[in-house]
Amino acid sequence: MPYLIETYDKPDAEALRLAVREEHLRYLDSRAGLLLACGAKLSDDGQTASGGIYLLDVEDRTAAEEFIAADPFSRAGLFRQVVVARWRKAYLDGKNCL
């Protein structure tokens, strides 16, 4: 069942994000089968990330929470807030999924 996870970085954490980024990407690669979509939230100029959005296909909220807790960004203390919510796919890639 789909879950949306939205993360918010701590202030002034860009150096930490960059230091852990490669480990974070390897983590995502190793769990790619669970990811419907994933990516960073960026400043308007596209230069600075401030958090991320993950759309996961997992069994339940516990699995979604475990996924984000194991993310190297979480383990490094990057996030000031994490929000986990069930998600209903209505449109994806311009197609109605209902």
PDB file of N, CA and C in Angstrom:
ATOM      1  N   MET A   1       0.839  -1.170   0.000  1.00  0.00           N
ATOM      2  CA  MET A   1       0.000   0.000   0.000  1.00  0.00           C
ATOM      3  C   MET A   1       0.882   1.229   0.000  1.00  0.00           C
ATOM      4  N   PRO A   2       0.506   2.254  -0.731  1.00  0.00           N
ATOM      5  CA  PRO A   2       1.374   3.422  -0.884  1.00  0.00           C
ATOM      6  C   PRO A   2       1.405   4.319   0.359  1.00  0.00           C
ATOM      7  N   TYR A   3       2.603   4.783   0.658  1.00  0.00           N
ATOM      8  CA  TYR A   3       2.831   5.764   1.718  1.00  0.00           C
ATOM      9  C   TYR A   3       3.684   6.888   1.175  1.00  0.00           C
ATOM     10  N   LEU A   4       3.381   8.090   1.617  1.00  0.00           N
ATOM     11  CA  LEU A   4       4.169   9.272   1.305  1.00  0.00           C
ATOM     12  C   LEU A   4       4.957   9.633   2.558  1.00  0.00           C
ATOM     13  N   ILE A   5       6.229   9.865   2.378  1.00  0.00           N
ATOM     14  CA  ILE A   5       7.078  10.359   3.462  1.00  0.00           C
ATOM     15  C   ILE A   5       7.640  11.695   3.000  1.00  0.00           C
ATOM     16  N   GLU A   6       7.437  12.727   3.813  1.00  0.00           N
ATOM     17  CA  GLU A   6       8.016  14.033   3.523  1.00  0.00           C
ATOM     18  C   GLU A   6       8.989  14.372   4.642  1.00  0.00           C
ATOM     19  N   THR A   7      10.206  14.736   4.246  1.00  0.00           N
ATOM     20  CA  THR A   7      11.223  15.079   5.226  1.00  0.00           C
ATOM     21  C   THR A   7      11.594  16.546   5.099  1.00  0.00           C
ATOM     22  N   TYR A   8      11.995  17.114   6.223  1.00  0.00           N
ATOM     23  CA  TYR A   8      12.408  18.512   6.313  1.00  0.00           C
ATOM     24  C   TYR A   8      13.778  18.540   6.976  1.00  0.00           C
ATOM     25  N   ASP A   9      14.760  19.099   6.285  1.00  0.00           N
ATOM     26  CA  ASP A   9      16.104  19.165   6.840  1.00  0.00           C
ATOM     27  C   ASP A   9      16.183  20.172   7.977  1.00  0.00           C
ATOM     28  N   LYS A  10      17.129  19.942   8.866  1.00  0.00           N
ATOM     29  CA  LYS A  10      17.443  20.923   9.895  1.00  0.00           C
ATOM     30  C   LYS A  10      18.057  22.151   9.215  1.00  0.00           C
ATOM     31  N   PRO A  11      17.933  23.318   9.830  1.00  0.00           N
ATOM     32  CA  PRO A  11      18.549  24.525   9.244  1.00  0.00           C
ATOM     33  C   PRO A  11      20.068  24.356   9.110  1.00  0.00           C
ATOM     34  N   ASP A  12      20.604  24.950   8.076  1.00  0.00           N
ATOM     35  CA  ASP A  12      22.052  24.983   7.855  1.00  0.00           C
ATOM     36  C   ASP A  12      22.679  23.580   7.818  1.00  0.00           C
ATOM     37  N   ALA A  13      21.970  22.627   7.226  1.00  0.00           N
ATOM     38  CA  ALA A  13      22.444  21.242   7.204  1.00  0.00           C
ATOM     39  C   ALA A  13      22.941  20.804   5.829  1.00  0.00           C
ATOM     40  N   GLU A  14      23.175  21.749   4.939  1.00  0.00           N
ATOM     41  CA  GLU A  14      23.581  21.388   3.582  1.00  0.00           C
ATOM     42  C   GLU A  14      24.885  20.588   3.561  1.00  0.00           C
ATOM     43  N   ALA A  15      25.854  20.937   4.393  1.00  0.00           N
ATOM     44  CA  ALA A  15      27.122  20.208   4.420  1.00  0.00           C
ATOM     45  C   ALA A  15      26.907  18.761   4.870  1.00  0.00           C
ATOM     46  N   LEU A  16      26.052  18.554   5.863  1.00  0.00           N
ATOM     47  CA  LEU A  16      25.745  17.197   6.319  1.00  0.00           C
ATOM     48  C   LEU A  16      25.062  16.410   5.212  1.00  0.00           C
ATOM     49  N   ARG A  17      24.095  17.029   4.535  1.00  0.00           N
ATOM     50  CA  ARG A  17      23.391  16.370   3.426  1.00  0.00           C
ATOM     51  C   ARG A  17      24.391  15.911   2.375  1.00  0.00           C
ATOM     52  N   LEU A  18      25.298  16.791   1.989  1.00  0.00           N
ATOM     53  CA  LEU A  18      26.276  16.452   0.951  1.00  0.00           C
ATOM     54  C   LEU A  18      27.237  15.366   1.423  1.00  0.00           C
ATOM     55  N   ALA A  19      27.610  15.382   2.691  1.00  0.00           N
ATOM     56  CA  ALA A  19      28.541  14.383   3.223  1.00  0.00           C
ATOM     57  C   ALA A  19      27.948  12.982   3.224  1.00  0.00           C
ATOM     58  N   VAL A  20      26.635  12.877   3.381  1.00  0.00           N
ATOM     59  CA  VAL A  20      25.968  11.576   3.512  1.00  0.00           C
ATOM     60  C   VAL A  20      25.272  11.160   2.209  1.00  0.00           C
ATOM     61  N   ARG A  21      25.240  12.022   1.228  1.00  0.00           N
ATOM     62  CA  ARG A  21      24.440  11.814   0.016  1.00  0.00           C
ATOM     63  C   ARG A  21      24.750  10.494  -0.700  1.00  0.00           C
ATOM     64  N   GLU A  22      26.013  10.161  -0.896  1.00  0.00           N
ATOM     65  CA  GLU A  22      26.345   8.925  -1.630  1.00  0.00           C
ATOM     66  C   GLU A  22      25.843   7.689  -0.889  1.00  0.00           C
ATOM     67  N   GLU A  23      25.983   7.664   0.429  1.00  0.00           N
ATOM     68  CA  GLU A  23      25.473   6.536   1.217  1.00  0.00           C
ATOM     69  C   GLU A  23      23.950   6.471   1.117  1.00  0.00           C
ATOM     70  N   HIS A  24      23.299   7.633   1.156  1.00  0.00           N
ATOM     71  CA  HIS A  24      21.835   7.717   0.997  1.00  0.00           C
ATOM     72  C   HIS A  24      21.411   7.141  -0.361  1.00  0.00           C
ATOM     73  N   LEU A  25      22.114   7.512  -1.427  1.00  0.00           N
ATOM     74  CA  LEU A  25      21.767   7.018  -2.761  1.00  0.00           C
ATOM     75  C   LEU A  25      21.969   5.503  -2.876  1.00  0.00           C
ATOM     76  N   ARG A  26      23.015   4.985  -2.260  1.00  0.00           N
ATOM     77  CA  ARG A  26      23.223   3.522  -2.259  1.00  0.00           C
ATOM     78  C   ARG A  26      22.083   2.829  -1.507  1.00  0.00           C
ATOM     79  N   TYR A  27      21.650   3.424  -0.400  1.00  0.00           N
ATOM     80  CA  TYR A  27      20.518   2.877   0.356  1.00  0.00           C
ATOM     81  C   TYR A  27      19.273   2.819  -0.527  1.00  0.00           C
ATOM     82  N   LEU A  28      18.978   3.910  -1.229  1.00  0.00           N
ATOM     83  CA  LEU A  28      17.809   3.931  -2.111  1.00  0.00           C
ATOM     84  C   LEU A  28      17.946   2.897  -3.224  1.00  0.00           C
ATOM     85  N   ASP A  29      19.124   2.794  -3.821  1.00  0.00           N
ATOM     86  CA  ASP A  29      19.344   1.791  -4.871  1.00  0.00           C
ATOM     87  C   ASP A  29      19.066   0.380  -4.365  1.00  0.00           C
ATOM     88  N   SER A  30      19.453   0.110  -3.122  1.00  0.00           N
ATOM     89  CA  SER A  30      19.277  -1.234  -2.578  1.00  0.00           C
ATOM     90  C   SER A  30      17.819  -1.545  -2.252  1.00  0.00           C
ATOM     91  N   ARG A  31      16.978  -0.534  -2.237  1.00  0.00           N
ATOM     92  CA  ARG A  31      15.551  -0.710  -1.938  1.00  0.00           C
ATOM     93  C   ARG A  31      14.660  -0.153  -3.055  1.00  0.00           C
ATOM     94  N   ALA A  32      15.196  -0.093  -4.244  1.00  0.00           N
ATOM     95  CA  ALA A  32      14.495   0.514  -5.378  1.00  0.00           C
ATOM     96  C   ALA A  32      13.144  -0.139  -5.653  1.00  0.00           C
ATOM     97  N   GLY A  33      12.999  -1.420  -5.351  1.00  0.00           N
ATOM     98  CA  GLY A  33      11.736  -2.112  -5.578  1.00  0.00           C
ATOM     99  C   GLY A  33      10.585  -1.588  -4.734  1.00  0.00           C
ATOM    100  N   LEU A  34      10.888  -0.872  -3.667  1.00  0.00           N
ATOM    101  CA  LEU A  34       9.843  -0.291  -2.814  1.00  0.00           C
ATOM    102  C   LEU A  34       9.456   1.116  -3.237  1.00  0.00           C
ATOM    103  N   LEU A  35      10.287   1.756  -4.070  1.00  0.00           N
ATOM    104  CA  LEU A  35      10.102   3.163  -4.407  1.00  0.00           C
ATOM    105  C   LEU A  35       9.198   3.347  -5.619  1.00  0.00           C
ATOM    106  N   LEU A  36       8.099   4.064  -5.428  1.00  0.00           N
ATOM    107  CA  LEU A  36       7.276   4.491  -6.554  1.00  0.00           C
ATOM    108  C   LEU A  36       7.865   5.761  -7.150  1.00  0.00           C
ATOM    109  N   ALA A  37       8.392   6.619  -6.291  1.00  0.00           N
ATOM    110  CA  ALA A  37       9.060   7.858  -6.683  1.00  0.00           C
ATOM    111  C   ALA A  37       9.816   8.373  -5.476  1.00  0.00           C
ATOM    112  N   CYS A  38      10.815   9.199  -5.740  1.00  0.00           N
ATOM    113  CA  CYS A  38      11.615   9.728  -4.638  1.00  0.00           C
ATOM    114  C   CYS A  38      12.428  10.893  -5.181  1.00  0.00           C
ATOM    115  N   GLY A  39      12.635  11.907  -4.347  1.00  0.00           N
ATOM    116  CA  GLY A  39      13.494  13.001  -4.764  1.00  0.00           C
ATOM    117  C   GLY A  39      13.564  14.102  -3.736  1.00  0.00           C
ATOM    118  N   ALA A  40      14.540  14.974  -3.937  1.00  0.00           N
ATOM    119  CA  ALA A  40      14.773  16.097  -3.029  1.00  0.00           C
ATOM    120  C   ALA A  40      13.824  17.251  -3.338  1.00  0.00           C
ATOM    121  N   LYS A  41      13.494  18.005  -2.292  1.00  0.00           N
ATOM    122  CA  LYS A  41      12.790  19.279  -2.442  1.00  0.00           C
ATOM    123  C   LYS A  41      13.876  20.344  -2.580  1.00  0.00           C
ATOM    124  N   LEU A  42      13.766  21.168  -3.622  1.00  0.00           N
ATOM    125  CA  LEU A  42      14.820  22.115  -3.956  1.00  0.00           C
ATOM    126  C   LEU A  42      14.371  23.562  -3.835  1.00  0.00           C
ATOM    127  N   SER A  43      15.354  24.442  -3.626  1.00  0.00           N
ATOM    128  CA  SER A  43      15.103  25.877  -3.689  1.00  0.00           C
ATOM    129  C   SER A  43      14.694  26.231  -5.123  1.00  0.00           C
ATOM    130  N   ASP A  44      14.105  27.392  -5.306  1.00  0.00           N
ATOM    131  CA  ASP A  44      13.623  27.799  -6.627  1.00  0.00           C
ATOM    132  C   ASP A  44      14.732  27.819  -7.681  1.00  0.00           C
ATOM    133  N   ASP A  45      15.957  28.088  -7.283  1.00  0.00           N
ATOM    134  CA  ASP A  45      17.053  28.087  -8.257  1.00  0.00           C
ATOM    135  C   ASP A  45      17.617  26.680  -8.507  1.00  0.00           C
ATOM    136  N   GLY A  46      17.068  25.689  -7.791  1.00  0.00           N
ATOM    137  CA  GLY A  46      17.479  24.298  -7.986  1.00  0.00           C
ATOM    138  C   GLY A  46      18.826  23.947  -7.393  1.00  0.00           C
ATOM    139  N   GLN A  47      19.401  24.813  -6.583  1.00  0.00           N
ATOM    140  CA  GLN A  47      20.750  24.604  -6.070  1.00  0.00           C
ATOM    141  C   GLN A  47      20.824  23.988  -4.684  1.00  0.00           C
ATOM    142  N   THR A  48      19.772  24.162  -3.869  1.00  0.00           N
ATOM    143  CA  THR A  48      19.849  23.743  -2.472  1.00  0.00           C
ATOM    144  C   THR A  48      18.676  22.846  -2.120  1.00  0.00           C
ATOM    145  N   ALA A  49      18.970  21.676  -1.559  1.00  0.00           N
ATOM    146  CA  ALA A  49      17.925  20.763  -1.091  1.00  0.00           C
ATOM    147  C   ALA A  49      17.573  21.108   0.352  1.00  0.00           C
ATOM    148  N   SER A  50      16.298  20.924   0.684  1.00  0.00           N
ATOM    149  CA  SER A  50      15.831  21.239   2.043  1.00  0.00           C
ATOM    150  C   SER A  50      15.041  20.090   2.658  1.00  0.00           C
ATOM    151  N   GLY A  51      15.022  18.956   2.001  1.00  0.00           N
ATOM    152  CA  GLY A  51      14.263  17.800   2.464  1.00  0.00           C
ATOM    153  C   GLY A  51      13.962  16.922   1.274  1.00  0.00           C
ATOM    154  N   GLY A  52      12.999  16.022   1.450  1.00  0.00           N
ATOM    155  CA  GLY A  52      12.694  15.116   0.354  1.00  0.00           C
ATOM    156  C   GLY A  52      11.282  14.576   0.421  1.00  0.00           C
ATOM    157  N   ILE A  53      10.889  13.936  -0.675  1.00  0.00           N
ATOM    158  CA  ILE A  53       9.605  13.251  -0.807  1.00  0.00           C
ATOM    159  C   ILE A  53       9.904  11.821  -1.239  1.00  0.00           C
ATOM    160  N   TYR A  54       9.297  10.877  -0.542  1.00  0.00           N
ATOM    161  CA  TYR A  54       9.422   9.460  -0.873  1.00  0.00           C
ATOM    162  C   TYR A  54       8.003   8.924  -1.049  1.00  0.00           C
ATOM    163  N   LEU A  55       7.736   8.243  -2.133  1.00  0.00           N
ATOM    164  CA  LEU A  55       6.496   7.503  -2.308  1.00  0.00           C
ATOM    165  C   LEU A  55       6.873   6.029  -2.329  1.00  0.00           C
ATOM    166  N   LEU A  56       6.394   5.303  -1.318  1.00  0.00           N
ATOM    167  CA  LEU A  56       6.773   3.908  -1.120  1.00  0.00           C
ATOM    168  C   LEU A  56       5.591   2.980  -1.292  1.00  0.00           C
ATOM    169  N   ASP A  57       5.857   1.784  -1.759  1.00  0.00           N
ATOM    170  CA  ASP A  57       4.862   0.725  -1.759  1.00  0.00           C
ATOM    171  C   ASP A  57       5.307  -0.303  -0.721  1.00  0.00           C
ATOM    172  N   VAL A  58       4.763  -0.183   0.487  1.00  0.00           N
ATOM    173  CA  VAL A  58       5.109  -1.068   1.601  1.00  0.00           C
ATOM    174  C   VAL A  58       3.836  -1.589   2.252  1.00  0.00           C
ATOM    175  N   GLU A  59       3.976  -2.567   3.128  1.00  0.00           N
ATOM    176  CA  GLU A  59       2.818  -3.231   3.737  1.00  0.00           C
ATOM    177  C   GLU A  59       2.005  -2.339   4.667  1.00  0.00           C
ATOM    178  N   ASP A  60       2.696  -1.498   5.452  1.00  0.00           N
ATOM    179  CA  ASP A  60       1.977  -0.723   6.463  1.00  0.00           C
ATOM    180  C   ASP A  60       2.835   0.450   6.931  1.00  0.00           C
ATOM    181  N   ARG A  61       2.268   1.263   7.826  1.00  0.00           N
ATOM    182  CA  ARG A  61       2.954   2.436   8.354  1.00  0.00           C
ATOM    183  C   ARG A  61       4.268   2.053   9.032  1.00  0.00           C
ATOM    184  N   THR A  62       4.264   0.943   9.760  1.00  0.00           N
ATOM    185  CA  THR A  62       5.488   0.514  10.441  1.00  0.00           C
ATOM    186  C   THR A  62       6.616   0.319   9.443  1.00  0.00           C
ATOM    187  N   ALA A  63       6.325  -0.313   8.318  1.00  0.00           N
ATOM    188  CA  ALA A  63       7.347  -0.536   7.290  1.00  0.00           C
ATOM    189  C   ALA A  63       7.841   0.800   6.715  1.00  0.00           C
ATOM    190  N   ALA A  64       6.937   1.750   6.523  1.00  0.00           N
ATOM    191  CA  ALA A  64       7.335   3.071   6.026  1.00  0.00           C
ATOM    192  C   ALA A  64       8.227   3.777   7.043  1.00  0.00           C
ATOM    193  N   GLU A  65       7.860   3.709   8.303  1.00  0.00           N
ATOM    194  CA  GLU A  65       8.656   4.343   9.356  1.00  0.00           C
ATOM    195  C   GLU A  65      10.025   3.675   9.484  1.00  0.00           C
ATOM    196  N   GLU A  66      10.073   2.365   9.351  1.00  0.00           N
ATOM    197  CA  GLU A  66      11.353   1.647   9.404  1.00  0.00           C
ATOM    198  C   GLU A  66      12.234   2.016   8.213  1.00  0.00           C
ATOM    199  N   PHE A  67      11.616   2.175   7.047  1.00  0.00           N
ATOM    200  CA  PHE A  67      12.356   2.557   5.850  1.00  0.00           C
ATOM    201  C   PHE A  67      13.063   3.888   6.067  1.00  0.00           C
ATOM    202  N   ILE A  68      12.337   4.888   6.523  1.00  0.00           N
ATOM    203  CA  ILE A  68      12.945   6.216   6.662  1.00  0.00           C
ATOM    204  C   ILE A  68      13.915   6.253   7.839  1.00  0.00           C
ATOM    205  N   ALA A  69      13.651   5.496   8.885  1.00  0.00           N
ATOM    206  CA  ALA A  69      14.576   5.465  10.028  1.00  0.00           C
ATOM    207  C   ALA A  69      15.925   4.865   9.642  1.00  0.00           C
ATOM    208  N   ALA A  70      15.923   3.934   8.691  1.00  0.00           N
ATOM    209  CA  ALA A  70      17.163   3.283   8.257  1.00  0.00           C
ATOM    210  C   ALA A  70      17.912   4.086   7.196  1.00  0.00           C
ATOM    211  N   ASP A  71      17.281   5.095   6.633  1.00  0.00           N
ATOM    212  CA  ASP A  71      17.923   5.933   5.627  1.00  0.00           C
ATOM    213  C   ASP A  71      19.145   6.619   6.255  1.00  0.00           C
ATOM    214  N   PRO A  72      20.276   6.609   5.581  1.00  0.00           N
ATOM    215  CA  PRO A  72      21.462   7.270   6.128  1.00  0.00           C
ATOM    216  C   PRO A  72      21.240   8.745   6.486  1.00  0.00           C
ATOM    217  N   PHE A  73      20.388   9.438   5.763  1.00  0.00           N
ATOM    218  CA  PHE A  73      20.072  10.818   6.145  1.00  0.00           C
ATOM    219  C   PHE A  73      19.455  10.862   7.542  1.00  0.00           C
ATOM    220  N   SER A  74      18.530   9.949   7.824  1.00  0.00           N
ATOM    221  CA  SER A  74      17.930   9.891   9.162  1.00  0.00           C
ATOM    222  C   SER A  74      18.974   9.535  10.208  1.00  0.00           C
ATOM    223  N   ARG A  75      19.740   8.513   9.930  1.00  0.00           N
ATOM    224  CA  ARG A  75      20.742   8.047  10.898  1.00  0.00           C
ATOM    225  C   ARG A  75      21.782   9.119  11.200  1.00  0.00           C
ATOM    226  N   ALA A  76      22.050   9.998  10.227  1.00  0.00           N
ATOM    227  CA  ALA A  76      23.028  11.077  10.415  1.00  0.00           C
ATOM    228  C   ALA A  76      22.427  12.273  11.147  1.00  0.00           C
ATOM    229  N   GLY A  77      21.110  12.278  11.367  1.00  0.00           N
ATOM    230  CA  GLY A  77      20.473  13.386  12.071  1.00  0.00           C
ATOM    231  C   GLY A  77      20.158  14.588  11.190  1.00  0.00           C
ATOM    232  N   LEU A  78      19.993  14.364   9.900  1.00  0.00           N
ATOM    233  CA  LEU A  78      19.727  15.462   8.965  1.00  0.00           C
ATOM    234  C   LEU A  78      18.345  16.084   9.147  1.00  0.00           C
ATOM    235  N   PHE A  79      17.352  15.279   9.480  1.00  0.00           N
ATOM    236  CA  PHE A  79      15.969  15.757   9.444  1.00  0.00           C
ATOM    237  C   PHE A  79      15.548  16.407  10.754  1.00  0.00           C
ATOM    238  N   ARG A  80      14.837  17.547  10.615  1.00  0.00           N
ATOM    239  CA  ARG A  80      14.202  18.171  11.779  1.00  0.00           C
ATOM    240  C   ARG A  80      12.785  17.660  11.945  1.00  0.00           C
ATOM    241  N   GLN A  81      12.187  17.160  10.841  1.00  0.00           N
ATOM    242  CA  GLN A  81      10.818  16.638  10.890  1.00  0.00           C
ATOM    243  C   GLN A  81      10.631  15.613   9.782  1.00  0.00           C
ATOM    244  N   VAL A  82       9.863  14.571  10.104  1.00  0.00           N
ATOM    245  CA  VAL A  82       9.485  13.542   9.136  1.00  0.00           C
ATOM    246  C   VAL A  82       7.989  13.319   9.273  1.00  0.00           C
ATOM    247  N   VAL A  83       7.263  13.370   8.152  1.00  0.00           N
ATOM    248  CA  VAL A  83       5.818  13.140   8.133  1.00  0.00           C
ATOM    249  C   VAL A  83       5.545  11.913   7.273  1.00  0.00           C
ATOM    250  N   VAL A  84       4.801  10.960   7.837  1.00  0.00           N
ATOM    251  CA  VAL A  84       4.434   9.732   7.122  1.00  0.00           C
ATOM    252  C   VAL A  84       2.915   9.702   7.000  1.00  0.00           C
ATOM    253  N   ALA A  85       2.414   9.479   5.782  1.00  0.00           N
ATOM    254  CA  ALA A  85       0.962   9.443   5.556  1.00  0.00           C
ATOM    255  C   ALA A  85       0.630   8.424   4.480  1.00  0.00           C
ATOM    256  N   ARG A  86      -0.527   7.762   4.631  1.00  0.00           N
ATOM    257  CA  ARG A  86      -1.036   6.917   3.531  1.00  0.00           C
ATOM    258  C   ARG A  86      -1.281   7.810   2.330  1.00  0.00           C
ATOM    259  N   TRP A  87      -1.130   7.229   1.147  1.00  0.00           N
ATOM    260  CA  TRP A  87      -1.268   8.003  -0.079  1.00  0.00           C
ATOM    261  C   TRP A  87      -2.134   7.230  -1.055  1.00  0.00           C
ATOM    262  N   ARG A  88      -3.023   7.929  -1.735  1.00  0.00           N
ATOM    263  CA  ARG A  88      -3.851   7.314  -2.774  1.00  0.00           C
ATOM    264  C   ARG A  88      -3.389   7.840  -4.123  1.00  0.00           C
ATOM    265  N   LYS A  89      -2.978   6.934  -4.966  1.00  0.00           N
ATOM    266  CA  LYS A  89      -2.535   7.294  -6.310  1.00  0.00           C
ATOM    267  C   LYS A  89      -3.762   7.614  -7.154  1.00  0.00           C
ATOM    268  N   ALA A  90      -3.865   8.856  -7.614  1.00  0.00           N
ATOM    269  CA  ALA A  90      -4.960   9.261  -8.493  1.00  0.00           C
ATOM    270  C   ALA A  90      -4.450   9.474  -9.919  1.00  0.00           C
ATOM    271  N   TYR A  91      -3.340  10.155 -10.054  1.00  0.00           N
ATOM    272  CA  TYR A  91      -2.695  10.375 -11.340  1.00  0.00           C
ATOM    273  C   TYR A  91      -1.207  10.077 -11.206  1.00  0.00           C
ATOM    274  N   LEU A  92      -0.653   9.428 -12.188  1.00  0.00           N
ATOM    275  CA  LEU A  92       0.779   9.171 -12.228  1.00  0.00           C
ATOM    276  C   LEU A  92       1.222   9.236 -13.680  1.00  0.00           C
ATOM    277  N   ASP A  93       2.265   9.992 -13.930  1.00  0.00           N
ATOM    278  CA  ASP A  93       2.770  10.178 -15.299  1.00  0.00           C
ATOM    279  C   ASP A  93       1.679  10.637 -16.252  1.00  0.00           C
ATOM    280  N   GLY A  94       0.793  11.531 -15.765  1.00  0.00           N
ATOM    281  CA  GLY A  94      -0.266  12.075 -16.605  1.00  0.00           C
ATOM    282  C   GLY A  94      -1.416  11.140 -16.870  1.00  0.00           C
ATOM    283  N   LYS A  95      -1.453  10.007 -16.183  1.00  0.00           N
ATOM    284  CA  LYS A  95      -2.512   9.022 -16.406  1.00  0.00           C
ATOM    285  C   LYS A  95      -3.370   8.876 -15.165  1.00  0.00           C
ATOM    286  N   ASN A  96      -4.671   8.785 -15.376  1.00  0.00           N
ATOM    287  CA  ASN A  96      -5.623   8.558 -14.279  1.00  0.00           C
ATOM    288  C   ASN A  96      -5.480   7.120 -13.819  1.00  0.00           C
ATOM    289  N   CYS A  97      -5.266   6.944 -12.517  1.00  0.00           N
ATOM    290  CA  CYS A  97      -5.051   5.600 -11.949  1.00  0.00           C
ATOM    291  C   CYS A  97      -6.255   5.123 -11.152  1.00  0.00           C
ATOM    292  N   LEU A  98      -7.313   5.888 -11.125  1.00  0.00           N
ATOM    293  CA  LEU A  98      -8.489   5.503 -10.333  1.00  0.00           C
ATOM    294  C   LEU A  98      -9.392   4.578 -11.091  1.00  0.00           C
TER     295      LEU A  98
END
